[in-house]
Amino acid sequence: MKIENLYSIDKTDISAGNSYSEEAIFKISLNPESEIFKGHFPGTPVLPGVCTMEIVKDCTESLLKREIIFTRIPQCKFTGMVDPNLDRILEVKITAKNSDDGSITINAVVFAHDSGRAILKFKGYV
């Protein structure tokens, strides 16, 4: 469920996948005028972690071309904050690998585009 007026997915580069795995890089533009930033935090806006997770989910759904629910998340490490006035563009790199048990392993890293700084390192199962 895309959070209205917070961000847009501007570009997607999908690598040629196979029956075992797929990979994509998404370019995300944040809207620093979003209502989210007025409350989190007034005068010093920061992208909430839950919104970063929603971006990963939306990008994963775009890659897999279906709605998803993460059934397990063994790794979710936030390594930096996102100031929407400084980091207006994010890159989300996602690798999806099919498992023998029918689940899909999702590895994702969210970067600040200009600095290349990692924001989130994520591993989950669909």
N, C-alpha and C. Protein backbone atom coordinates (compact mmCIF):
# COMPACT_ATOMS: atom_id res chain seq x y z
N MET A 1 0.85 -1.16 0.00
CA MET A 1 0.00 0.00 0.00
C MET A 1 0.90 1.24 0.00
N LYS A 2 0.98 1.90 -1.11
CA LYS A 2 1.82 3.07 -1.23
C LYS A 2 1.27 4.20 -0.34
N ILE A 3 2.16 4.81 0.41
CA ILE A 3 1.77 5.91 1.29
C ILE A 3 1.60 7.15 0.43
N GLU A 4 0.40 7.68 0.40
CA GLU A 4 0.06 8.76 -0.50
C GLU A 4 0.93 9.99 -0.30
N ASN A 5 1.48 10.49 -1.41
CA ASN A 5 2.21 11.75 -1.46
C ASN A 5 3.55 11.73 -0.72
N LEU A 6 4.03 10.56 -0.28
CA LEU A 6 5.32 10.49 0.41
C LEU A 6 6.46 10.28 -0.57
N TYR A 7 6.24 9.45 -1.58
CA TYR A 7 7.31 9.14 -2.52
C TYR A 7 6.73 8.63 -3.83
N SER A 8 7.59 8.59 -4.83
CA SER A 8 7.23 7.99 -6.11
C SER A 8 8.36 7.09 -6.56
N ILE A 9 8.00 6.02 -7.24
CA ILE A 9 8.99 5.13 -7.84
C ILE A 9 9.22 5.66 -9.25
N ASP A 10 10.39 6.24 -9.48
CA ASP A 10 10.65 6.91 -10.74
C ASP A 10 11.27 6.03 -11.81
N LYS A 11 12.06 5.07 -11.39
CA LYS A 11 12.78 4.26 -12.38
C LYS A 11 13.04 2.89 -11.78
N THR A 12 12.95 1.89 -12.63
CA THR A 12 13.23 0.53 -12.21
C THR A 12 14.15 -0.12 -13.23
N ASP A 13 15.26 -0.67 -12.77
CA ASP A 13 16.16 -1.45 -13.62
C ASP A 13 16.07 -2.89 -13.15
N ILE A 14 15.48 -3.76 -13.98
CA ILE A 14 15.34 -5.16 -13.63
C ILE A 14 16.36 -5.96 -14.43
N SER A 15 17.19 -6.72 -13.73
CA SER A 15 18.17 -7.57 -14.39
C SER A 15 17.47 -8.80 -14.95
N ALA A 16 18.04 -9.33 -16.00
CA ALA A 16 17.50 -10.57 -16.57
C ALA A 16 17.57 -11.65 -15.51
N GLY A 17 16.44 -12.13 -15.10
CA GLY A 17 16.39 -13.15 -14.06
C GLY A 17 16.30 -14.54 -14.66
N ASN A 18 16.21 -15.50 -13.79
CA ASN A 18 15.98 -16.88 -14.22
C ASN A 18 14.92 -17.46 -13.30
N SER A 19 14.68 -18.75 -13.39
CA SER A 19 13.63 -19.34 -12.56
C SER A 19 14.02 -19.38 -11.09
N TYR A 20 15.28 -19.11 -10.79
CA TYR A 20 15.77 -19.18 -9.42
C TYR A 20 15.80 -17.81 -8.74
N SER A 21 16.17 -16.75 -9.47
CA SER A 21 16.29 -15.45 -8.82
C SER A 21 16.04 -14.29 -9.78
N GLU A 22 15.69 -13.14 -9.19
CA GLU A 22 15.49 -11.90 -9.92
C GLU A 22 16.14 -10.78 -9.11
N GLU A 23 16.55 -9.73 -9.81
CA GLU A 23 17.16 -8.59 -9.14
C GLU A 23 16.69 -7.30 -9.79
N ALA A 24 16.51 -6.27 -8.97
CA ALA A 24 16.10 -4.97 -9.50
C ALA A 24 16.65 -3.85 -8.63
N ILE A 25 16.82 -2.70 -9.27
CA ILE A 25 17.20 -1.48 -8.56
C ILE A 25 16.11 -0.45 -8.85
N PHE A 26 15.55 0.11 -7.79
CA PHE A 26 14.48 1.08 -7.89
C PHE A 26 15.00 2.45 -7.46
N LYS A 27 14.62 3.48 -8.20
CA LYS A 27 14.96 4.85 -7.82
C LYS A 27 13.69 5.49 -7.24
N ILE A 28 13.81 5.97 -6.00
CA ILE A 28 12.67 6.51 -5.25
C ILE A 28 12.90 8.00 -5.01
N SER A 29 11.91 8.82 -5.36
CA SER A 29 11.97 10.26 -5.06
C SER A 29 11.06 10.55 -3.87
N LEU A 30 11.65 11.11 -2.83
CA LEU A 30 10.88 11.50 -1.64
C LEU A 30 10.28 12.88 -1.85
N ASN A 31 9.11 13.10 -1.27
CA ASN A 31 8.47 14.40 -1.29
C ASN A 31 8.68 15.05 0.07
N PRO A 32 9.62 16.01 0.18
CA PRO A 32 9.88 16.63 1.48
C PRO A 32 8.70 17.42 2.04
N GLU A 33 7.68 17.67 1.20
CA GLU A 33 6.49 18.41 1.64
C GLU A 33 5.40 17.48 2.18
N SER A 34 5.64 16.19 2.22
CA SER A 34 4.65 15.22 2.70
C SER A 34 4.25 15.52 4.15
N GLU A 35 2.99 15.24 4.46
CA GLU A 35 2.47 15.43 5.82
C GLU A 35 3.24 14.59 6.84
N ILE A 36 3.78 13.45 6.41
CA ILE A 36 4.54 12.56 7.32
C ILE A 36 5.66 13.35 8.01
N PHE A 37 6.36 14.19 7.24
CA PHE A 37 7.52 14.90 7.78
C PHE A 37 7.14 16.05 8.70
N LYS A 38 5.91 16.50 8.63
CA LYS A 38 5.48 17.58 9.52
C LYS A 38 5.34 17.09 10.96
N GLY A 39 5.09 15.79 11.12
CA GLY A 39 4.95 15.23 12.46
C GLY A 39 6.15 14.42 12.90
N HIS A 40 7.05 14.13 12.00
CA HIS A 40 8.19 13.24 12.30
C HIS A 40 9.47 13.86 11.74
N PHE A 41 10.05 14.73 12.25
CA PHE A 41 9.81 15.51 13.46
C PHE A 41 9.73 16.97 13.05
N PRO A 42 8.86 17.77 13.65
CA PRO A 42 8.72 19.17 13.25
C PRO A 42 10.05 19.91 13.31
N GLY A 43 10.41 20.53 12.20
CA GLY A 43 11.66 21.30 12.13
C GLY A 43 12.88 20.47 11.80
N THR A 44 12.84 19.19 12.08
CA THR A 44 13.96 18.28 11.77
C THR A 44 13.37 16.99 11.19
N PRO A 45 12.93 17.03 9.93
CA PRO A 45 12.25 15.87 9.36
C PRO A 45 13.16 14.66 9.17
N VAL A 46 12.61 13.49 9.48
CA VAL A 46 13.31 12.21 9.30
C VAL A 46 12.30 11.22 8.74
N LEU A 47 12.70 10.45 7.74
CA LEU A 47 11.84 9.41 7.19
C LEU A 47 11.65 8.32 8.24
N PRO A 48 10.41 8.04 8.67
CA PRO A 48 10.19 6.99 9.67
C PRO A 48 10.63 5.62 9.14
N GLY A 49 11.17 4.81 10.02
CA GLY A 49 11.62 3.48 9.64
C GLY A 49 10.51 2.64 9.03
N VAL A 50 9.30 2.76 9.57
CA VAL A 50 8.17 1.99 9.04
C VAL A 50 7.88 2.39 7.60
N CYS A 51 8.11 3.65 7.24
CA CYS A 51 7.91 4.09 5.86
C CYS A 51 9.00 3.52 4.95
N THR A 52 10.22 3.42 5.46
CA THR A 52 11.29 2.79 4.69
C THR A 52 10.94 1.33 4.42
N MET A 53 10.39 0.66 5.42
CA MET A 53 9.96 -0.74 5.24
C MET A 53 8.84 -0.83 4.20
N GLU A 54 7.93 0.11 4.20
CA GLU A 54 6.84 0.12 3.22
C GLU A 54 7.38 0.32 1.81
N ILE A 55 8.42 1.15 1.67
CA ILE A 55 9.06 1.34 0.37
C ILE A 55 9.66 0.01 -0.11
N VAL A 56 10.34 -0.71 0.78
CA VAL A 56 10.91 -2.02 0.42
C VAL A 56 9.79 -2.97 -0.01
N LYS A 57 8.70 -2.98 0.73
CA LYS A 57 7.57 -3.86 0.40
C LYS A 57 6.99 -3.50 -0.97
N ASP A 58 6.77 -2.20 -1.23
CA ASP A 58 6.21 -1.77 -2.51
C ASP A 58 7.13 -2.14 -3.68
N CYS A 59 8.43 -1.96 -3.49
CA CYS A 59 9.38 -2.30 -4.55
C CYS A 59 9.41 -3.82 -4.78
N THR A 60 9.33 -4.59 -3.70
CA THR A 60 9.30 -6.05 -3.82
C THR A 60 8.05 -6.49 -4.57
N GLU A 61 6.92 -5.88 -4.27
CA GLU A 61 5.68 -6.20 -4.99
C GLU A 61 5.80 -5.86 -6.47
N SER A 62 6.46 -4.77 -6.77
CA SER A 62 6.68 -4.39 -8.17
C SER A 62 7.56 -5.41 -8.89
N LEU A 63 8.60 -5.87 -8.21
CA LEU A 63 9.50 -6.87 -8.80
C LEU A 63 8.78 -8.20 -9.02
N LEU A 64 8.03 -8.65 -8.02
CA LEU A 64 7.36 -9.95 -8.09
C LEU A 64 6.02 -9.89 -8.83
N LYS A 65 5.54 -8.67 -9.09
CA LYS A 65 4.29 -8.43 -9.80
C LYS A 65 3.08 -9.04 -9.08
N ARG A 66 3.10 -8.92 -7.74
CA ARG A 66 1.96 -9.39 -6.93
C ARG A 66 2.07 -8.79 -5.53
N GLU A 67 0.94 -8.79 -4.82
CA GLU A 67 0.95 -8.34 -3.43
C GLU A 67 1.66 -9.38 -2.57
N ILE A 68 2.33 -8.92 -1.53
CA ILE A 68 3.08 -9.83 -0.66
C ILE A 68 2.81 -9.54 0.81
N ILE A 69 3.15 -10.51 1.62
CA ILE A 69 3.22 -10.36 3.08
C ILE A 69 4.53 -11.01 3.49
N PHE A 70 5.36 -10.27 4.21
CA PHE A 70 6.59 -10.88 4.73
C PHE A 70 6.20 -11.82 5.87
N THR A 71 6.59 -13.09 5.75
CA THR A 71 6.24 -14.08 6.76
C THR A 71 7.28 -14.16 7.87
N ARG A 72 8.49 -13.73 7.55
CA ARG A 72 9.57 -13.74 8.55
C ARG A 72 10.60 -12.70 8.13
N ILE A 73 11.14 -11.97 9.10
CA ILE A 73 12.17 -10.96 8.84
C ILE A 73 13.32 -11.19 9.82
N PRO A 74 14.32 -11.99 9.43
CA PRO A 74 15.43 -12.25 10.35
C PRO A 74 16.44 -11.11 10.43
N GLN A 75 16.44 -10.21 9.43
CA GLN A 75 17.37 -9.08 9.48
C GLN A 75 16.67 -7.82 9.00
N CYS A 76 16.74 -6.78 9.83
CA CYS A 76 16.21 -5.47 9.48
C CYS A 76 17.04 -4.45 10.26
N LYS A 77 18.13 -4.01 9.64
CA LYS A 77 19.07 -3.14 10.34
C LYS A 77 19.09 -1.75 9.69
N PHE A 78 18.67 -0.77 10.47
CA PHE A 78 18.72 0.61 10.01
C PHE A 78 20.12 1.15 10.32
N THR A 79 20.80 1.62 9.29
CA THR A 79 22.19 2.06 9.45
C THR A 79 22.35 3.57 9.30
N GLY A 80 21.25 4.27 9.08
CA GLY A 80 21.33 5.72 8.95
C GLY A 80 19.94 6.32 8.85
N MET A 81 19.86 7.62 9.11
CA MET A 81 18.60 8.34 9.00
C MET A 81 18.49 8.97 7.62
N VAL A 82 17.26 9.26 7.23
CA VAL A 82 17.00 9.93 5.95
C VAL A 82 16.37 11.29 6.24
N ASP A 83 17.10 12.34 5.92
CA ASP A 83 16.57 13.70 5.98
C ASP A 83 16.05 14.01 4.57
N PRO A 84 14.73 14.19 4.39
CA PRO A 84 14.18 14.37 3.05
C PRO A 84 14.65 15.64 2.35
N ASN A 85 15.20 16.58 3.11
CA ASN A 85 15.73 17.79 2.48
C ASN A 85 17.13 17.57 1.92
N LEU A 86 17.84 16.58 2.44
CA LEU A 86 19.19 16.27 1.96
C LEU A 86 19.22 15.03 1.08
N ASP A 87 18.41 14.04 1.42
CA ASP A 87 18.38 12.76 0.71
C ASP A 87 17.05 12.61 -0.02
N ARG A 88 16.86 13.37 -1.08
CA ARG A 88 15.57 13.34 -1.78
C ARG A 88 15.40 12.11 -2.66
N ILE A 89 16.51 11.48 -3.03
CA ILE A 89 16.44 10.29 -3.89
C ILE A 89 17.08 9.12 -3.17
N LEU A 90 16.35 8.01 -3.13
CA LEU A 90 16.84 6.76 -2.55
C LEU A 90 16.95 5.72 -3.66
N GLU A 91 17.84 4.78 -3.48
CA GLU A 91 17.91 3.61 -4.36
C GLU A 91 17.65 2.38 -3.51
N VAL A 92 16.83 1.49 -4.05
CA VAL A 92 16.50 0.25 -3.37
C VAL A 92 16.94 -0.90 -4.26
N LYS A 93 17.89 -1.68 -3.78
CA LYS A 93 18.37 -2.84 -4.53
C LYS A 93 17.75 -4.08 -3.90
N ILE A 94 17.04 -4.85 -4.71
CA ILE A 94 16.34 -6.04 -4.21
C ILE A 94 16.74 -7.26 -5.01
N THR A 95 17.04 -8.34 -4.29
CA THR A 95 17.27 -9.64 -4.89
C THR A 95 16.24 -10.60 -4.32
N ALA A 96 15.52 -11.28 -5.20
CA ALA A 96 14.52 -12.27 -4.79
C ALA A 96 14.99 -13.64 -5.27
N LYS A 97 15.09 -14.59 -4.33
CA LYS A 97 15.52 -15.95 -4.67
C LYS A 97 14.47 -16.95 -4.24
N ASN A 98 14.10 -17.84 -5.16
CA ASN A 98 13.15 -18.90 -4.86
C ASN A 98 13.82 -19.99 -4.05
N SER A 99 13.12 -20.48 -3.02
CA SER A 99 13.63 -21.55 -2.17
C SER A 99 12.93 -22.86 -2.53
N ASP A 100 13.56 -23.96 -2.16
CA ASP A 100 12.98 -25.27 -2.42
C ASP A 100 11.64 -25.48 -1.70
N ASP A 101 11.44 -24.79 -0.58
CA ASP A 101 10.20 -24.96 0.18
C ASP A 101 9.05 -24.09 -0.33
N GLY A 102 9.28 -23.37 -1.44
CA GLY A 102 8.23 -22.54 -2.03
C GLY A 102 8.25 -21.10 -1.57
N SER A 103 9.05 -20.79 -0.56
CA SER A 103 9.15 -19.40 -0.11
C SER A 103 10.11 -18.64 -1.02
N ILE A 104 10.10 -17.34 -0.88
CA ILE A 104 11.01 -16.48 -1.64
C ILE A 104 11.82 -15.67 -0.63
N THR A 105 13.14 -15.73 -0.75
CA THR A 105 14.02 -14.94 0.11
C THR A 105 14.24 -13.58 -0.54
N ILE A 106 14.01 -12.53 0.22
CA ILE A 106 14.19 -11.16 -0.25
C ILE A 106 15.35 -10.54 0.50
N ASN A 107 16.36 -10.11 -0.25
CA ASN A 107 17.46 -9.32 0.31
C ASN A 107 17.35 -7.93 -0.29
N ALA A 108 17.38 -6.92 0.56
CA ALA A 108 17.25 -5.54 0.08
C ALA A 108 18.22 -4.64 0.83
N VAL A 109 18.71 -3.65 0.10
CA VAL A 109 19.51 -2.59 0.70
C VAL A 109 18.96 -1.27 0.16
N VAL A 110 18.72 -0.33 1.08
CA VAL A 110 18.26 1.00 0.70
C VAL A 110 19.44 1.95 0.88
N PHE A 111 19.72 2.73 -0.18
CA PHE A 111 20.84 3.67 -0.18
C PHE A 111 20.34 5.10 -0.38
N ALA A 112 21.05 6.06 0.19
CA ALA A 112 20.88 7.47 -0.18
C ALA A 112 21.60 7.62 -1.51
N HIS A 113 20.90 8.07 -2.54
CA HIS A 113 21.44 8.10 -3.90
C HIS A 113 22.72 8.93 -4.02
N ASP A 114 22.70 10.15 -3.52
CA ASP A 114 23.85 11.05 -3.73
C ASP A 114 25.10 10.62 -2.98
N SER A 115 24.94 10.16 -1.76
CA SER A 115 26.12 9.80 -0.96
C SER A 115 26.48 8.32 -1.06
N GLY A 116 25.54 7.49 -1.52
CA GLY A 116 25.78 6.05 -1.56
C GLY A 116 25.72 5.40 -0.18
N ARG A 117 25.33 6.18 0.81
CA ARG A 117 25.26 5.71 2.20
C ARG A 117 24.11 4.72 2.37
N ALA A 118 24.40 3.57 2.99
CA ALA A 118 23.36 2.58 3.25
C ALA A 118 22.44 3.07 4.37
N ILE A 119 21.14 2.91 4.16
CA ILE A 119 20.13 3.34 5.13
C ILE A 119 19.52 2.13 5.84
N LEU A 120 19.30 1.05 5.08
CA LEU A 120 18.65 -0.14 5.61
C LEU A 120 19.21 -1.38 4.94
N LYS A 121 19.49 -2.40 5.74
CA LYS A 121 19.86 -3.72 5.23
C LYS A 121 18.79 -4.68 5.71
N PHE A 122 18.20 -5.42 4.78
CA PHE A 122 17.00 -6.19 5.07
C PHE A 122 17.07 -7.58 4.46
N LYS A 123 16.59 -8.56 5.22
CA LYS A 123 16.39 -9.91 4.70
C LYS A 123 15.05 -10.39 5.23
N GLY A 124 14.21 -10.85 4.33
CA GLY A 124 12.90 -11.34 4.73
C GLY A 124 12.45 -12.47 3.83
N TYR A 125 11.36 -13.09 4.22
CA TYR A 125 10.79 -14.20 3.46
C TYR A 125 9.34 -13.91 3.11
N VAL A 126 8.98 -14.27 1.91
CA VAL A 126 7.61 -14.10 1.41
C VAL A 126 7.01 -15.48 1.26
